[in-house]
Every structure is written in structure tokens, then in C-alpha cells.
C-alpha atoms as a PDB file:
ATOM      1  CA  MET A   1       0.000   0.000   0.000  1.00  0.00           C
ATOM      2  CA  ILE A   2       1.403   3.414  -0.953  1.00  0.00           C
ATOM      3  CA  LYS A   3       2.080   5.628   2.037  1.00  0.00           C
ATOM      4  CA  LYS A   4       0.299   8.981   2.203  1.00  0.00           C
ATOM      5  CA  LEU A   5       3.507  10.974   1.616  1.00  0.00           C
ATOM      6  CA  GLU A   6       4.459   8.863  -1.367  1.00  0.00           C
ATOM      7  CA  LEU A   7       0.941   9.199  -2.774  1.00  0.00           C
ATOM      8  CA  SER A   8       1.078  12.989  -2.433  1.00  0.00           C
ATOM      9  CA  LEU A   9       4.375  13.129  -4.325  1.00  0.00           C
ATOM     10  CA  LEU A  10       2.989  10.971  -7.082  1.00  0.00           C
ATOM     11  CA  ILE A  11      -0.161  13.065  -7.420  1.00  0.00           C
ATOM     12  CA  LEU A  12       1.913  16.168  -8.126  1.00  0.00           C
ATOM     13  CA  MET A  13       3.119  14.506 -11.317  1.00  0.00           C
ATOM     14  CA  LEU A  14      -0.302  13.380 -12.541  1.00  0.00           C
ATOM     15  CA  SER A  15      -1.634  14.618 -15.876  1.00  0.00           C
ATOM     16  CA  GLY A  16      -4.934  16.494 -16.189  1.00  0.00           C
ATOM     17  CA  THR A  17      -6.709  13.262 -17.126  1.00  0.00           C
ATOM     18  CA  ALA A  18      -5.279  11.445 -14.113  1.00  0.00           C
ATOM     19  CA  TYR A  19      -6.362  14.358 -11.900  1.00  0.00           C
ATOM     20  CA  ALA A  20      -9.939  13.949 -13.142  1.00  0.00           C
ATOM     21  CA  ASP A  21      -9.711  10.202 -12.479  1.00  0.00           C
ATOM     22  CA  LEU A  22      -8.563  10.938  -8.948  1.00  0.00           C
ATOM     23  CA  GLN A  23     -11.596  13.166  -8.428  1.00  0.00           C
ATOM     24  CA  ASN A  24     -13.913  10.484  -9.780  1.00  0.00           C
ATOM     25  CA  ASP A  25     -12.367   7.861  -7.474  1.00  0.00           C
ATOM     26  CA  ALA A  26     -12.868  10.177  -4.489  1.00  0.00           C
ATOM     27  CA  VAL A  27     -16.528  10.739  -5.405  1.00  0.00           C
ATOM     28  CA  THR A  28     -17.104   7.007  -5.837  1.00  0.00           C
ATOM     29  CA  ALA A  29     -15.545   6.279  -2.440  1.00  0.00           C
ATOM     30  CA  LEU A  30     -17.741   8.919  -0.768  1.00  0.00           C
ATOM     31  CA  ILE A  31     -20.910   7.662  -2.436  1.00  0.00           C
ATOM     32  CA  ASN A  32     -20.101   4.132  -1.247  1.00  0.00           C
ATOM     33  CA  LYS A  33     -19.274   5.480   2.244  1.00  0.00           C
ATOM     34  CA  ASN A  34     -15.795   4.007   1.904  1.00  0.00           C
ATOM     35  CA  TYR A  35     -14.282   6.829   3.911  1.00  0.00           C
ATOM     36  CA  ILE A  36     -10.952   5.121   4.605  1.00  0.00           C
ATOM     37  CA  THR A  37     -10.334   4.973   0.856  1.00  0.00           C
ATOM     38  CA  ALA A  38     -11.685   8.495   0.319  1.00  0.00           C
ATOM     39  CA  ILE A  39      -9.420  10.190   2.884  1.00  0.00           C
ATOM     40  CA  PRO A  40      -6.038   9.901   1.065  1.00  0.00           C
ATOM     41  CA  LEU A  41      -7.671  10.736  -2.281  1.00  0.00           C
ATOM     42  CA  LEU A  42      -9.274  13.857  -0.829  1.00  0.00           C
ATOM     43  CA  GLU A  43      -6.071  14.850   0.941  1.00  0.00           C
ATOM     44  CA  SER A  44      -4.163  14.666  -2.340  1.00  0.00           C
ATOM     45  CA  LEU A  45      -6.766  16.868  -4.018  1.00  0.00           C
ATOM     46  CA  ALA A  46      -6.859  19.247  -1.041  1.00  0.00           C
ATOM     47  CA  GLN A  47      -3.083  19.718  -1.184  1.00  0.00           C
ATOM     48  CA  GLN A  48      -3.537  20.897  -4.770  1.00  0.00           C
ATOM     49  CA  GLY A  49      -6.042  23.525  -3.664  1.00  0.00           C
ATOM     50  CA  ASN A  50      -9.316  21.748  -4.493  1.00  0.00           C
ATOM     51  CA  PRO A  51     -11.871  23.484  -2.195  1.00  0.00           C
ATOM     52  CA  ASP A  52     -14.497  20.744  -2.542  1.00  0.00           C
ATOM     53  CA  ALA A  53     -12.018  18.144  -1.318  1.00  0.00           C
ATOM     54  CA  GLN A  54     -11.070  20.435   1.574  1.00  0.00           C
ATOM     55  CA  TYR A  55     -14.727  20.832   2.488  1.00  0.00           C
ATOM     56  CA  ASN A  56     -15.332  17.069   2.418  1.00  0.00           C
ATOM     57  CA  LEU A  57     -12.296  16.479   4.635  1.00  0.00           C
ATOM     58  CA  ALA A  58     -13.593  19.067   7.114  1.00  0.00           C
ATOM     59  CA  LEU A  59     -16.862  17.143   7.340  1.00  0.00           C
ATOM     60  CA  LEU A  60     -15.115  13.783   7.762  1.00  0.00           C
ATOM     61  CA  TYR A  61     -12.814  15.050  10.517  1.00  0.00           C
ATOM     62  CA  ASN A  62     -15.736  16.787  12.202  1.00  0.00           C
ATOM     63  CA  LYS A  63     -17.775  13.574  12.421  1.00  0.00           C
ATOM     64  CA  GLY A  64     -14.920  11.070  12.650  1.00  0.00           C
ATOM     65  CA  LEU A  65     -15.741   9.145   9.483  1.00  0.00           C
ATOM     66  CA  GLY A  66     -12.719   7.101   8.393  1.00  0.00           C
ATOM     67  CA  VAL A  67     -10.547   9.097  10.816  1.00  0.00           C
ATOM     68  CA  ASN A  68     -10.492  10.101  14.470  1.00  0.00           C
ATOM     69  CA  VAL A  69     -12.501  13.207  15.299  1.00  0.00           C
ATOM     70  CA  ASP A  70     -10.158  16.194  15.030  1.00  0.00           C
ATOM     71  CA  SER A  71     -11.800  19.595  15.446  1.00  0.00           C
ATOM     72  CA  VAL A  72      -8.544  21.435  14.733  1.00  0.00           C
ATOM     73  CA  LYS A  73      -8.069  19.734  11.368  1.00  0.00           C
ATOM     74  CA  SER A  74     -11.767  20.099  10.608  1.00  0.00           C
ATOM     75  CA  ARG A  75     -11.688  23.840  11.158  1.00  0.00           C
ATOM     76  CA  SER A  76      -8.458  24.162   9.179  1.00  0.00           C
ATOM     77  CA  TYR A  77     -10.012  22.407   6.180  1.00  0.00           C
ATOM     78  CA  TYR A  78     -13.178  24.519   6.523  1.00  0.00           C
ATOM     79  CA  SER A  79     -10.996  27.622   6.468  1.00  0.00           C
ATOM     80  CA  ASN A  80      -9.103  26.475   3.365  1.00  0.00           C
ATOM     81  CA  ALA A  81     -12.357  25.671   1.563  1.00  0.00           C
ATOM     82  CA  ALA A  82     -13.813  29.022   2.584  1.00  0.00           C
ATOM     83  CA  HIS A  83     -10.811  30.831   1.128  1.00  0.00           C
ATOM     84  CA  GLY A  84     -11.456  28.807  -2.012  1.00  0.00           C
ATOM     85  CA  GLY A  85     -14.915  30.375  -2.205  1.00  0.00           C
ATOM     86  CA  LEU A  86     -17.252  27.657  -0.917  1.00  0.00           C
ATOM     87  CA  VAL A  87     -20.227  29.382   0.700  1.00  0.00           C
ATOM     88  CA  ASP A  88     -21.081  26.359   2.881  1.00  0.00           C
ATOM     89  CA  SER A  89     -17.685  26.639   4.544  1.00  0.00           C
ATOM     90  CA  TYR A  90     -18.145  30.345   5.225  1.00  0.00           C
ATOM     91  CA  ARG A  91     -21.419  29.572   6.977  1.00  0.00           C
ATOM     92  CA  LYS A  92     -19.909  26.760   9.044  1.00  0.00           C
ATOM     93  CA  LEU A  93     -16.972  28.929  10.116  1.00  0.00           C
ATOM     94  CA  SER A  94     -19.391  31.658  11.178  1.00  0.00           C
ATOM     95  CA  ARG A  95     -21.493  29.221  13.208  1.00  0.00           C
ATOM     96  CA  SER A  96     -18.487  27.535  14.793  1.00  0.00           C
ATOM     97  CA  SER A  97     -17.358  30.830  16.278  1.00  0.00           C
ATOM     98  CA  ILE A  98     -20.454  30.552  18.476  1.00  0.00           C
ATOM     99  CA  ARG A  99     -20.995  26.814  18.793  1.00  0.00           C
ATOM    100  CA  PRO A 100     -19.540  23.618  17.284  1.00  0.00           C
ATOM    101  CA  ALA A 101     -20.276  23.210  13.602  1.00  0.00           C
ATOM    102  CA  VAL A 102     -23.154  20.833  12.839  1.00  0.00           C
ATOM    103  CA  PHE A 103     -22.219  17.959  10.592  1.00  0.00           C
ATOM    104  CA  ASN A 104     -24.014  17.829   7.275  1.00  0.00           C
ATOM    105  CA  SER A 105     -24.590  14.175   6.429  1.00  0.00           C
ATOM    106  CA  GLN A 106     -24.667  14.903   2.709  1.00  0.00           C
ATOM    107  CA  LEU A 107     -21.055  15.268   1.660  1.00  0.00           C
ATOM    108  CA  ALA A 108     -20.313  17.823  -1.015  1.00  0.00           C
ATOM    109  CA  PRO A 109     -19.243  16.204  -4.267  1.00  0.00           C
ATOM    110  CA  VAL A 110     -15.810  16.834  -5.698  1.00  0.00           C
ATOM    111  CA  VAL A 111     -16.402  19.088  -8.680  1.00  0.00           C
ATOM    112  CA  SER A 112     -14.419  18.437 -11.860  1.00  0.00           C
ATOM    113  CA  SER A 113     -15.746  21.166 -14.209  1.00  0.00           C
ATOM    114  CA  PRO A 114     -17.622  24.484 -14.195  1.00  0.00           C
ATOM    115  CA  GLN A 115     -20.686  22.678 -15.550  1.00  0.00           C
ATOM    116  CA  ASP A 116     -20.515  20.107 -12.747  1.00  0.00           C
ATOM    117  CA  TRP A 117     -20.342  22.961 -10.230  1.00  0.00           C
ATOM    118  CA  VAL A 118     -23.738  24.189 -11.432  1.00  0.00           C
ATOM    119  CA  LYS A 119     -25.244  20.696 -11.516  1.00  0.00           C
ATOM    120  CA  THR A 120     -24.149  19.803  -7.962  1.00  0.00           C
ATOM    121  CA  GLN A 121     -25.419  22.918  -6.165  1.00  0.00           C
ATOM    122  CA  ASN A 122     -28.456  22.745  -3.885  1.00  0.00           C
ATOM    123  CA  PRO A 123     -31.453  23.435  -6.176  1.00  0.00           C
ATOM    124  CA  ASN A 124     -33.200  25.351  -3.391  1.00  0.00           C
ATOM    125  CA  HIS A 125     -30.350  27.848  -3.069  1.00  0.00           C
ATOM    126  CA  TYR A 126     -29.765  30.997  -5.078  1.00  0.00           C
ATOM    127  CA  THR A 127     -26.857  32.149  -7.209  1.00  0.00           C
ATOM    128  CA  LEU A 128     -25.666  35.301  -8.964  1.00  0.00           C
ATOM    129  CA  GLN A 129     -25.668  35.349 -12.737  1.00  0.00           C
ATOM    130  CA  LEU A 130     -22.676  37.428 -13.756  1.00  0.00           C
ATOM    131  CA  ALA A 131     -22.763  37.302 -17.529  1.00  0.00           C
ATOM    132  CA  SER A 132     -24.256  35.535 -20.522  1.00  0.00           C
ATOM    133  CA  SER A 133     -23.203  35.369 -24.151  1.00  0.00           C
ATOM    134  CA  THR A 134     -23.545  33.316 -27.316  1.00  0.00           C
ATOM    135  CA  ASN A 135     -19.736  33.217 -27.319  1.00  0.00           C
ATOM    136  CA  ALA A 136     -18.633  30.260 -25.181  1.00  0.00           C
ATOM    137  CA  ASP A 137     -14.977  31.313 -25.358  1.00  0.00           C
ATOM    138  CA  LEU A 138     -15.804  34.698 -23.840  1.00  0.00           C
ATOM    139  CA  ILE A 139     -17.520  33.113 -20.833  1.00  0.00           C
ATOM    140  CA  ARG A 140     -14.723  30.575 -20.418  1.00  0.00           C
ATOM    141  CA  LYS A 141     -12.114  33.344 -20.565  1.00  0.00           C
ATOM    142  CA  TYR A 142     -13.992  35.436 -18.001  1.00  0.00           C
ATOM    143  CA  PHE A 143     -14.193  32.384 -15.704  1.00  0.00           C
ATOM    144  CA  GLU A 144     -10.477  31.605 -16.008  1.00  0.00           C
ATOM    145  CA  GLU A 145      -9.166  35.183 -15.801  1.00  0.00           C
ATOM    146  CA  ASN A 146     -11.044  35.752 -12.546  1.00  0.00           C
ATOM    147  CA  ALA A 147      -9.864  32.426 -11.038  1.00  0.00           C
ATOM    148  CA  LEU A 148     -13.405  31.272 -10.268  1.00  0.00           C
ATOM    149  CA  THR A 149     -12.729  27.525  -9.950  1.00  0.00           C
ATOM    150  CA  GLY A 150     -14.625  26.185  -6.934  1.00  0.00           C
ATOM    151  CA  LYS A 151     -16.524  29.470  -6.548  1.00  0.00           C
ATOM    152  CA  ALA A 152     -18.599  29.566  -9.704  1.00  0.00           C
ATOM    153  CA  GLY A 153     -19.618  27.711 -12.841  1.00  0.00           C
ATOM    154  CA  TYR A 154     -21.165  28.197 -16.237  1.00  0.00           C
ATOM    155  CA  TYR A 155     -23.866  26.408 -18.191  1.00  0.00           C
ATOM    156  CA  LYS A 156     -25.348  26.196 -21.681  1.00  0.00           C
ATOM    157  CA  ASN A 157     -28.972  26.559 -22.678  1.00  0.00           C
ATOM    158  CA  LYS A 158     -30.913  27.255 -25.869  1.00  0.00           C
ATOM    159  CA  ARG A 159     -33.030  30.358 -26.468  1.00  0.00           C
ATOM    160  CA  GLU A 160     -34.818  31.209 -29.693  1.00  0.00           C
ATOM    161  CA  GLY A 161     -32.723  28.740 -31.646  1.00  0.00           C
ATOM    162  CA  GLU A 162     -29.383  29.981 -30.297  1.00  0.00           C
ATOM    163  CA  TYR A 163     -27.057  28.465 -27.725  1.00  0.00           C
ATOM    164  CA  TRP A 164     -26.271  30.773 -24.813  1.00  0.00           C
ATOM    165  CA  TYR A 165     -23.596  30.390 -22.156  1.00  0.00           C
ATOM    166  CA  ALA A 166     -24.078  31.917 -18.702  1.00  0.00           C
ATOM    167  CA  LEU A 167     -21.648  32.378 -15.819  1.00  0.00           C
ATOM    168  CA  VAL A 168     -22.995  32.112 -12.265  1.00  0.00           C
ATOM    169  CA  TYR A 169     -21.260  32.738  -8.952  1.00  0.00           C
ATOM    170  CA  GLY A 170     -21.824  31.465  -5.423  1.00  0.00           C
ATOM    171  CA  ALA A 171     -24.654  29.568  -3.738  1.00  0.00           C
ATOM    172  CA  TYR A 172     -26.746  31.290  -1.087  1.00  0.00           C
ATOM    173  CA  PRO A 173     -29.591  29.889   1.056  1.00  0.00           C
ATOM    174  CA  SER A 174     -31.916  32.819   0.325  1.00  0.00           C
ATOM    175  CA  ALA A 175     -32.483  35.467  -2.323  1.00  0.00           C
ATOM    176  CA  ARG A 176     -31.878  38.122   0.315  1.00  0.00           C
ATOM    177  CA  GLU A 177     -28.407  36.778   1.128  1.00  0.00           C
ATOM    178  CA  ALA A 178     -27.602  36.546  -2.572  1.00  0.00           C
ATOM    179  CA  ASN A 179     -28.603  40.174  -3.078  1.00  0.00           C
ATOM    180  CA  LYS A 180     -26.478  41.257  -0.119  1.00  0.00           C
ATOM    181  CA  ALA A 181     -23.489  39.390  -1.545  1.00  0.00           C
ATOM    182  CA  ILE A 182     -23.482  41.521  -4.715  1.00  0.00           C
ATOM    183  CA  ALA A 183     -22.039  44.505  -2.871  1.00  0.00           C
ATOM    184  CA  SER A 184     -19.048  42.467  -1.656  1.00  0.00           C
ATOM    185  CA  LEU A 185     -18.087  41.116  -5.081  1.00  0.00           C
ATOM    186  CA  PRO A 186     -14.837  42.312  -6.657  1.00  0.00           C
ATOM    187  CA  GLU A 187     -15.359  45.100  -9.169  1.00  0.00           C
ATOM    188  CA  ASP A 188     -14.577  42.815 -12.112  1.00  0.00           C
ATOM    189  CA  LEU A 189     -17.475  40.566 -11.104  1.00  0.00           C
ATOM    190  CA  ARG A 190     -19.923  43.447 -10.625  1.00  0.00           C
ATOM    191  CA  LYS A 191     -19.323  45.166 -13.952  1.00  0.00           C
ATOM    192  CA  TRP A 192     -22.048  43.243 -15.772  1.00  0.00           C
ATOM    193  CA  SER A 193     -24.706  43.914 -13.111  1.00  0.00           C
ATOM    194  CA  PRO A 194     -25.145  40.492 -11.431  1.00  0.00           C
ATOM    195  CA  TRP A 195     -28.685  39.378 -10.770  1.00  0.00           C
ATOM    196  CA  VAL A 196     -30.165  36.727  -8.495  1.00  0.00           C
ATOM    197  CA  ARG A 197     -31.474  33.438  -9.842  1.00  0.00           C
ATOM    198  CA  LYS A 198     -32.755  30.306  -8.157  1.00  0.00           C
ATOM    199  CA  ILE A 199     -30.449  27.390  -8.881  1.00  0.00           C
ATOM    200  CA  LYS A 200     -33.365  25.041  -9.525  1.00  0.00           C
ATOM    201  CA  SER A 201     -34.482  27.157 -12.497  1.00  0.00           C
ATOM    202  CA  ILE A 202     -30.992  27.008 -13.989  1.00  0.00           C
ATOM    203  CA  GLN A 203     -30.603  23.263 -13.497  1.00  0.00           C
ATOM    204  CA  ARG A 204     -33.962  22.794 -15.226  1.00  0.00           C
ATOM    205  CA  ILE A 205     -32.938  24.565 -18.442  1.00  0.00           C
ATOM    206  CA  MET A 206     -29.228  23.810 -18.675  1.00  0.00           C
ATOM    207  CA  ILE A 207     -28.103  21.465 -21.423  1.00  0.00           C
ATOM    208  CA  LYS A 208     -26.062  18.729 -19.788  1.00  0.00           C
END
């Protein structure tokens, strides 16, 4: 069995395809509740800055699934995921400053693409639509230049016979919180006048 340190060193040399395979293996392990297998996979992803993996590790260490309960590590992973832009982690950090964070039994999936980010968000939450265009390259460029991986996603839908691509940012439990979040966005994300949308409505029309 490869030791954790050796595994981490090997992961640094993986190609993009192998990285996606690693993510898929982590998701499969989580779905099957094989937490002992999931831990080293998630840790390898977390070391490479994957906020979804960091969030999942925070949950596992909080509840003691596949590992001993470790509140220090849990909070550290929550913090890393929060800095990566995951709204759920921001909320848990805020709550834990008052009382221990409550474990969410539904682990967040490891997201492998901007489209997957949209598909895996809670349909009852709200998001901010930043921009839309018939030019997919423009939306992709805007996403990449603003380093929105783990914080946002984009999707495709069809309107009046044309394909449109829309970029959305963040996931908020209420429309009010989403509206409040607009003021705190960086200027580059506010320039196209973000507006609030329910995630369920987007997931319903997006072309998968």
C-alpha cells in the first residue's frame, strides 16, 4: 500500500486526465461510504487547492468518518475551503465561532468542471448570474481570468434557436443573502450587473 507521503508526491506529477480520475475515485468512495479509501484521495486533491475536497475532509474530521474526530483539522479544512470560495464553509466557520459546527450528512461532491459545479449545487439555493453570451470562449475566458474555480460555474442553454452560455457565482440559502453578496463582489465581477437566480431554475434549463 502506498504511504500517504508517497501518494502525495505521485499526485503532483499526474496529468490532467489522471487528476480527473482521482476526483472520480474520491466521489465514488464517498458515495459508497468508503471513507478510509476516500481520505487519502481527498487529501491529495486538497493539497492541490481543491476546495471541494477540503470541504469534504472538514466534514469527515468533524464527524470522525474514516478518521479520528479532530476539530482542529476540521476547522483548518473549513478555512481552506472558505478561502477557495465555498459558501457552505463560510457559513460553518461563522457558526463555529459561536458553537460547534453541525455535521451535514450529505457530503459535497468533488467538482471536476464548471458545468458540474452548477449541476451539484443545492437546487433550493440561489446564485448570482454574472454574464451571458452566445460566445462560449468569452464566458470561459472570463471564468479563467477571474480564477473562479470552486466558486462559480457556467452552463449552456438554448433560447430562440441559439445556444447561450451563462456564468454564475456562489450559492446562497436565500435570495436576500444573494442580493447582499453583490455589494461584496470584486469590481470585475460586478461590472455586468449580477442578478439573483434560483439554482433550480438554472438546473432545469441547462443542457447537460
